[in-house]
Amino acid sequence: MSVAKPEDLPACEPAAGPRVRDRIFETACELFYRHGIRAVGIDAIVNAAGTNKMSFYRSFPSKDELVADYLRHKDAHFWSWWDEVVAPYRNQPRQQVEALFAAHVNKTCSKESRGCGLANAAVEIVEDDHPGRAVVVSHKSEIRRRFRALAAAMKARDPEQLGDALMLLMEGGYLARLTFPKGGPVVSALHAAQTLMDAHGA
């Protein structure tokens, strides 16, 4: 699909400064999360941001790069949330997992939640060379690594298996939220995590 280049577009607005770029980015983040990456085109973004394509291309090389920036933003926000949740339970791995799943339930069941933006992106972005794909893979790999590390710290009989099960449980909670907008199976995620840890002697 051909994409208009900056030189093909009318110069209707001064060079995009930080405020214009931020407006475009914040608008895109909201639209991508609410409606999906593929469903939201550049025209929709610039119209909602109150700007034009010239400013868009002065701010971002392409929609794909904007998507990658959106996913990096989601990644950073997620790890800030994770670190804040586990901070009160230093050297208490089981309590960290329990706190994560309690917070996960509260966050995922909120009215504004559309699940995990990175998991949603994984469904839409299938091209290996898309810059956003690497962000998603790195993010999910780190979740897996952290859950396995917590399982090992709990001295679980099979920490890799327990870590993977906990990751699957969290991922499933996000996806179930899309199907059951008013609670649904995700409300049982904390109890399920505790059951898994008990079963692994953790």
C-alpha atoms as a PDB file:
ATOM      1  CA  MET A   1       0.000   0.000   0.000  1.00  0.00           C
ATOM      2  CA  SER A   2       1.454   3.357  -1.028  1.00  0.00           C
ATOM      3  CA  VAL A   3       1.881   5.975   1.655  1.00  0.00           C
ATOM      4  CA  ALA A   4       1.996   9.696   1.018  1.00  0.00           C
ATOM      5  CA  LYS A   5       5.427  11.201   1.596  1.00  0.00           C
ATOM      6  CA  PRO A   6       5.965  14.525   3.375  1.00  0.00           C
ATOM      7  CA  GLU A   7       7.010  16.237   0.144  1.00  0.00           C
ATOM      8  CA  ASP A   8       3.682  15.265  -1.434  1.00  0.00           C
ATOM      9  CA  LEU A   9       1.645  17.033   1.228  1.00  0.00           C
ATOM     10  CA  PRO A  10       0.721  20.711   1.501  1.00  0.00           C
ATOM     11  CA  ALA A  11       2.644  22.793   4.015  1.00  0.00           C
ATOM     12  CA  CYS A  12      -0.405  23.941   5.970  1.00  0.00           C
ATOM     13  CA  GLU A  13       1.182  24.173   9.384  1.00  0.00           C
ATOM     14  CA  PRO A  14       4.533  25.178  10.900  1.00  0.00           C
ATOM     15  CA  ALA A  15       7.068  22.501  11.761  1.00  0.00           C
ATOM     16  CA  ALA A  16       5.677  20.183  14.418  1.00  0.00           C
ATOM     17  CA  GLY A  17       7.113  21.088  17.782  1.00  0.00           C
ATOM     18  CA  PRO A  18       6.967  18.984  20.924  1.00  0.00           C
ATOM     19  CA  ARG A  19       3.391  20.045  21.743  1.00  0.00           C
ATOM     20  CA  VAL A  20       2.051  19.018  18.336  1.00  0.00           C
ATOM     21  CA  ARG A  21       3.969  15.742  18.451  1.00  0.00           C
ATOM     22  CA  ASP A  22       2.660  15.019  21.933  1.00  0.00           C
ATOM     23  CA  ARG A  23      -0.895  15.729  20.830  1.00  0.00           C
ATOM     24  CA  ILE A  24      -0.567  13.373  17.898  1.00  0.00           C
ATOM     25  CA  PHE A  25       1.011  10.693  20.079  1.00  0.00           C
ATOM     26  CA  GLU A  26      -1.543  10.938  22.895  1.00  0.00           C
ATOM     27  CA  THR A  27      -4.408  10.862  20.405  1.00  0.00           C
ATOM     28  CA  ALA A  28      -2.944   7.840  18.619  1.00  0.00           C
ATOM     29  CA  CYS A  29      -2.426   5.982  21.896  1.00  0.00           C
ATOM     30  CA  GLU A  30      -6.058   6.476  22.844  1.00  0.00           C
ATOM     31  CA  LEU A  31      -7.362   5.469  19.418  1.00  0.00           C
ATOM     32  CA  PHE A  32      -5.093   2.425  19.091  1.00  0.00           C
ATOM     33  CA  TYR A  33      -6.109   1.122  22.506  1.00  0.00           C
ATOM     34  CA  ARG A  34      -9.822   1.758  22.030  1.00  0.00           C
ATOM     35  CA  HIS A  35     -10.263   0.688  18.414  1.00  0.00           C
ATOM     36  CA  GLY A  36      -7.209  -1.373  17.432  1.00  0.00           C
ATOM     37  CA  ILE A  37      -4.081  -0.574  15.480  1.00  0.00           C
ATOM     38  CA  ARG A  38      -5.283  -1.704  12.053  1.00  0.00           C
ATOM     39  CA  ALA A  39      -8.617   0.063  12.380  1.00  0.00           C
ATOM     40  CA  VAL A  40      -7.046   3.473  13.008  1.00  0.00           C
ATOM     41  CA  GLY A  41      -5.441   5.202  10.048  1.00  0.00           C
ATOM     42  CA  ILE A  42      -3.330   8.327   9.839  1.00  0.00           C
ATOM     43  CA  ASP A  43      -6.320  10.393   8.685  1.00  0.00           C
ATOM     44  CA  ALA A  44      -8.263   9.454  11.820  1.00  0.00           C
ATOM     45  CA  ILE A  45      -5.302  10.331  14.033  1.00  0.00           C
ATOM     46  CA  VAL A  46      -4.600  13.753  12.557  1.00  0.00           C
ATOM     47  CA  ASN A  47      -8.307  14.649  12.453  1.00  0.00           C
ATOM     48  CA  ALA A  48      -8.796  13.719  16.102  1.00  0.00           C
ATOM     49  CA  ALA A  49      -5.579  15.546  17.059  1.00  0.00           C
ATOM     50  CA  GLY A  50      -6.631  18.655  15.178  1.00  0.00           C
ATOM     51  CA  THR A  51      -3.591  18.729  12.914  1.00  0.00           C
ATOM     52  CA  ASN A  52      -2.590  17.497   9.430  1.00  0.00           C
ATOM     53  CA  LYS A  53      -0.450  14.921   7.660  1.00  0.00           C
ATOM     54  CA  MET A  54       2.497  17.278   7.246  1.00  0.00           C
ATOM     55  CA  SER A  55       2.758  17.600  11.011  1.00  0.00           C
ATOM     56  CA  PHE A  56       2.325  13.870  11.383  1.00  0.00           C
ATOM     57  CA  TYR A  57       5.247  13.051   9.094  1.00  0.00           C
ATOM     58  CA  ARG A  58       7.394  15.736  10.699  1.00  0.00           C
ATOM     59  CA  SER A  59       6.783  13.995  14.022  1.00  0.00           C
ATOM     60  CA  PHE A  60       6.874  10.318  12.991  1.00  0.00           C
ATOM     61  CA  PRO A  61       8.567   8.628  10.018  1.00  0.00           C
ATOM     62  CA  SER A  62       5.578   6.333   9.491  1.00  0.00           C
ATOM     63  CA  LYS A  63       2.524   4.854  11.151  1.00  0.00           C
ATOM     64  CA  ASP A  64       4.541   1.709  11.926  1.00  0.00           C
ATOM     65  CA  GLU A  65       7.075   3.762  13.897  1.00  0.00           C
ATOM     66  CA  LEU A  66       4.251   5.514  15.727  1.00  0.00           C
ATOM     67  CA  VAL A  67       2.807   2.106  16.618  1.00  0.00           C
ATOM     68  CA  ALA A  68       6.200   0.995  17.940  1.00  0.00           C
ATOM     69  CA  ASP A  69       6.403   4.152  20.098  1.00  0.00           C
ATOM     70  CA  TYR A  70       2.878   3.479  21.383  1.00  0.00           C
ATOM     71  CA  LEU A  71       3.869  -0.060  22.358  1.00  0.00           C
ATOM     72  CA  ARG A  72       7.078   1.140  24.048  1.00  0.00           C
ATOM     73  CA  HIS A  73       4.922   3.541  26.051  1.00  0.00           C
ATOM     74  CA  LYS A  74       2.613   0.698  27.058  1.00  0.00           C
ATOM     75  CA  ASP A  75       5.634  -1.415  27.986  1.00  0.00           C
ATOM     76  CA  ALA A  76       7.124   1.284  30.232  1.00  0.00           C
ATOM     77  CA  HIS A  77       3.762   1.934  31.896  1.00  0.00           C
ATOM     78  CA  PHE A  78       3.272  -1.759  32.595  1.00  0.00           C
ATOM     79  CA  TRP A  79       6.658  -2.173  34.289  1.00  0.00           C
ATOM     80  CA  SER A  80       6.094   0.949  36.357  1.00  0.00           C
ATOM     81  CA  TRP A  81       2.824  -0.619  37.524  1.00  0.00           C
ATOM     82  CA  TRP A  82       4.484  -3.981  38.230  1.00  0.00           C
ATOM     83  CA  ASP A  83       7.362  -2.479  40.214  1.00  0.00           C
ATOM     84  CA  GLU A  84       5.007  -0.302  42.267  1.00  0.00           C
ATOM     85  CA  VAL A  85       2.775  -3.276  43.109  1.00  0.00           C
ATOM     86  CA  VAL A  86       5.588  -5.573  44.276  1.00  0.00           C
ATOM     87  CA  ALA A  87       7.660  -2.893  46.067  1.00  0.00           C
ATOM     88  CA  PRO A  88       6.069  -3.428  49.523  1.00  0.00           C
ATOM     89  CA  TYR A  89       6.898  -7.161  49.406  1.00  0.00           C
ATOM     90  CA  ARG A  90      10.647  -7.207  48.939  1.00  0.00           C
ATOM     91  CA  ASN A  91      12.082 -10.734  49.299  1.00  0.00           C
ATOM     92  CA  GLN A  92       8.545 -12.171  49.585  1.00  0.00           C
ATOM     93  CA  PRO A  93       7.985 -13.753  46.161  1.00  0.00           C
ATOM     94  CA  ARG A  94       4.648 -15.404  46.888  1.00  0.00           C
ATOM     95  CA  GLN A  95       3.241 -12.180  48.314  1.00  0.00           C
ATOM     96  CA  GLN A  96       4.501 -10.356  45.234  1.00  0.00           C
ATOM     97  CA  VAL A  97       2.601 -12.733  42.965  1.00  0.00           C
ATOM     98  CA  GLU A  98      -0.541 -12.430  45.068  1.00  0.00           C
ATOM     99  CA  ALA A  99      -0.288  -8.632  44.997  1.00  0.00           C
ATOM    100  CA  LEU A 100       0.219  -8.674  41.233  1.00  0.00           C
ATOM    101  CA  PHE A 101      -2.887 -10.762  40.629  1.00  0.00           C
ATOM    102  CA  ALA A 102      -5.016  -8.753  43.057  1.00  0.00           C
ATOM    103  CA  ALA A 103      -3.967  -5.568  41.258  1.00  0.00           C
ATOM    104  CA  HIS A 104      -4.407  -7.284  37.889  1.00  0.00           C
ATOM    105  CA  VAL A 105      -8.025  -8.111  38.711  1.00  0.00           C
ATOM    106  CA  ASN A 106      -8.760  -4.552  39.840  1.00  0.00           C
ATOM    107  CA  LYS A 107      -7.097  -3.011  36.802  1.00  0.00           C
ATOM    108  CA  THR A 108      -8.575  -5.406  34.251  1.00  0.00           C
ATOM    109  CA  CYS A 109     -12.099  -5.139  35.622  1.00  0.00           C
ATOM    110  CA  SER A 110     -12.137  -1.349  35.442  1.00  0.00           C
ATOM    111  CA  LYS A 111     -14.625   0.235  33.061  1.00  0.00           C
ATOM    112  CA  GLU A 112     -11.830   1.740  30.950  1.00  0.00           C
ATOM    113  CA  SER A 113      -9.957  -1.532  30.416  1.00  0.00           C
ATOM    114  CA  ARG A 114      -9.631  -3.018  26.956  1.00  0.00           C
ATOM    115  CA  GLY A 115      -7.248  -5.717  28.159  1.00  0.00           C
ATOM    116  CA  CYS A 116      -3.516  -5.594  27.466  1.00  0.00           C
ATOM    117  CA  GLY A 117      -2.561  -3.239  24.653  1.00  0.00           C
ATOM    118  CA  LEU A 118       0.524  -5.305  23.858  1.00  0.00           C
ATOM    119  CA  ALA A 119      -1.391  -8.584  23.746  1.00  0.00           C
ATOM    120  CA  ASN A 120      -3.966  -6.953  21.488  1.00  0.00           C
ATOM    121  CA  ALA A 121      -1.149  -5.730  19.247  1.00  0.00           C
ATOM    122  CA  ALA A 122       0.307  -9.248  19.044  1.00  0.00           C
ATOM    123  CA  VAL A 123      -2.907 -10.376  17.351  1.00  0.00           C
ATOM    124  CA  GLU A 124      -2.813  -7.540  14.836  1.00  0.00           C
ATOM    125  CA  ILE A 125       0.888  -7.338  14.047  1.00  0.00           C
ATOM    126  CA  VAL A 126       2.013 -10.566  12.426  1.00  0.00           C
ATOM    127  CA  GLU A 127       4.884  -9.274  10.286  1.00  0.00           C
ATOM    128  CA  ASP A 128       8.241 -10.218  11.804  1.00  0.00           C
ATOM    129  CA  ASP A 129       9.862  -7.060  10.439  1.00  0.00           C
ATOM    130  CA  HIS A 130       7.296  -4.657  11.899  1.00  0.00           C
ATOM    131  CA  PRO A 131       9.086  -2.469  14.501  1.00  0.00           C
ATOM    132  CA  GLY A 132       6.249  -3.010  16.955  1.00  0.00           C
ATOM    133  CA  ARG A 133       6.528  -6.799  16.841  1.00  0.00           C
ATOM    134  CA  ALA A 134       9.910  -6.763  18.564  1.00  0.00           C
ATOM    135  CA  VAL A 135       8.489  -4.578  21.353  1.00  0.00           C
ATOM    136  CA  VAL A 136       5.672  -7.042  21.984  1.00  0.00           C
ATOM    137  CA  VAL A 137       7.955 -10.094  21.971  1.00  0.00           C
ATOM    138  CA  SER A 138      10.444  -8.423  24.314  1.00  0.00           C
ATOM    139  CA  HIS A 139       7.664  -7.381  26.687  1.00  0.00           C
ATOM    140  CA  LYS A 140       6.046 -10.803  26.897  1.00  0.00           C
ATOM    141  CA  SER A 141       9.429 -12.514  27.236  1.00  0.00           C
ATOM    142  CA  GLU A 142      10.223 -10.312  30.220  1.00  0.00           C
ATOM    143  CA  ILE A 143       6.915 -11.162  31.888  1.00  0.00           C
ATOM    144  CA  ARG A 144       7.732 -14.839  31.443  1.00  0.00           C
ATOM    145  CA  ARG A 145      11.248 -14.347  32.834  1.00  0.00           C
ATOM    146  CA  ARG A 146       9.973 -12.477  35.881  1.00  0.00           C
ATOM    147  CA  PHE A 147       7.301 -15.022  36.738  1.00  0.00           C
ATOM    148  CA  ARG A 148       9.821 -17.843  36.390  1.00  0.00           C
ATOM    149  CA  ALA A 149      12.234 -15.945  38.646  1.00  0.00           C
ATOM    150  CA  LEU A 150       9.510 -15.452  41.261  1.00  0.00           C
ATOM    151  CA  ALA A 151       8.639 -19.147  41.085  1.00  0.00           C
ATOM    152  CA  ALA A 152      12.294 -20.048  41.576  1.00  0.00           C
ATOM    153  CA  ALA A 153      12.524 -17.688  44.553  1.00  0.00           C
ATOM    154  CA  MET A 154       9.509 -19.509  46.037  1.00  0.00           C
ATOM    155  CA  LYS A 155      11.440 -22.763  45.587  1.00  0.00           C
ATOM    156  CA  ALA A 156       8.690 -24.281  43.491  1.00  0.00           C
ATOM    157  CA  ARG A 157       9.223 -27.883  42.424  1.00  0.00           C
ATOM    158  CA  ASP A 158       9.236 -26.857  38.762  1.00  0.00           C
ATOM    159  CA  PRO A 159       9.745 -23.074  38.671  1.00  0.00           C
ATOM    160  CA  GLU A 160       9.712 -22.840  34.888  1.00  0.00           C
ATOM    161  CA  GLN A 161       6.386 -24.633  34.666  1.00  0.00           C
ATOM    162  CA  LEU A 162       4.863 -22.577  37.473  1.00  0.00           C
ATOM    163  CA  GLY A 163       6.192 -19.344  36.002  1.00  0.00           C
ATOM    164  CA  ASP A 164       4.719 -20.164  32.626  1.00  0.00           C
ATOM    165  CA  ALA A 165       1.379 -21.102  34.210  1.00  0.00           C
ATOM    166  CA  LEU A 166       1.225 -17.785  36.052  1.00  0.00           C
ATOM    167  CA  MET A 167       1.992 -15.905  32.858  1.00  0.00           C
ATOM    168  CA  LEU A 168      -0.730 -17.801  30.987  1.00  0.00           C
ATOM    169  CA  LEU A 169      -3.166 -16.976  33.767  1.00  0.00           C
ATOM    170  CA  MET A 170      -2.433 -13.257  33.561  1.00  0.00           C
ATOM    171  CA  GLU A 171      -2.573 -13.245  29.760  1.00  0.00           C
ATOM    172  CA  GLY A 172      -5.854 -15.143  29.850  1.00  0.00           C
ATOM    173  CA  GLY A 173      -7.299 -12.622  32.261  1.00  0.00           C
ATOM    174  CA  TYR A 174      -6.627  -9.785  29.857  1.00  0.00           C
ATOM    175  CA  LEU A 175      -8.239 -11.637  26.948  1.00  0.00           C
ATOM    176  CA  ALA A 176     -11.232 -12.790  29.005  1.00  0.00           C
ATOM    177  CA  ARG A 177     -11.921  -9.134  29.819  1.00  0.00           C
ATOM    178  CA  LEU A 178     -12.613  -8.496  26.134  1.00  0.00           C
ATOM    179  CA  THR A 179     -15.237 -11.244  26.061  1.00  0.00           C
ATOM    180  CA  PHE A 180     -16.758 -10.612  29.498  1.00  0.00           C
ATOM    181  CA  PRO A 181     -16.834  -6.832  29.991  1.00  0.00           C
ATOM    182  CA  LYS A 182     -18.464  -7.109  33.415  1.00  0.00           C
ATOM    183  CA  GLY A 183     -16.014  -9.211  35.386  1.00  0.00           C
ATOM    184  CA  GLY A 184     -16.121 -12.747  34.104  1.00  0.00           C
ATOM    185  CA  PRO A 185     -13.425 -15.363  34.757  1.00  0.00           C
ATOM    186  CA  VAL A 186     -10.745 -12.756  35.514  1.00  0.00           C
ATOM    187  CA  VAL A 187     -12.272 -12.123  38.940  1.00  0.00           C
ATOM    188  CA  SER A 188     -11.016 -15.580  39.952  1.00  0.00           C
ATOM    189  CA  ALA A 189      -7.426 -14.928  38.833  1.00  0.00           C
ATOM    190  CA  LEU A 190      -6.004 -14.377  42.322  1.00  0.00           C
ATOM    191  CA  HIS A 191      -7.544 -17.575  43.669  1.00  0.00           C
ATOM    192  CA  ALA A 192      -6.318 -19.470  40.608  1.00  0.00           C
ATOM    193  CA  ALA A 193      -2.777 -18.131  41.123  1.00  0.00           C
ATOM    194  CA  GLN A 194      -2.832 -19.224  44.766  1.00  0.00           C
ATOM    195  CA  THR A 195      -4.042 -22.677  43.747  1.00  0.00           C
ATOM    196  CA  LEU A 196      -1.220 -22.982  41.221  1.00  0.00           C
ATOM    197  CA  MET A 197       1.390 -21.953  43.776  1.00  0.00           C
ATOM    198  CA  ASP A 198       0.002 -24.413  46.335  1.00  0.00           C
ATOM    199  CA  ALA A 199       0.076 -27.200  43.756  1.00  0.00           C
ATOM    200  CA  HIS A 200       3.746 -26.484  43.049  1.00  0.00           C
ATOM    201  CA  GLY A 201       4.653 -26.361  46.733  1.00  0.00           C
ATOM    202  CA  ALA A 202       5.488 -22.671  46.459  1.00  0.00           C
END
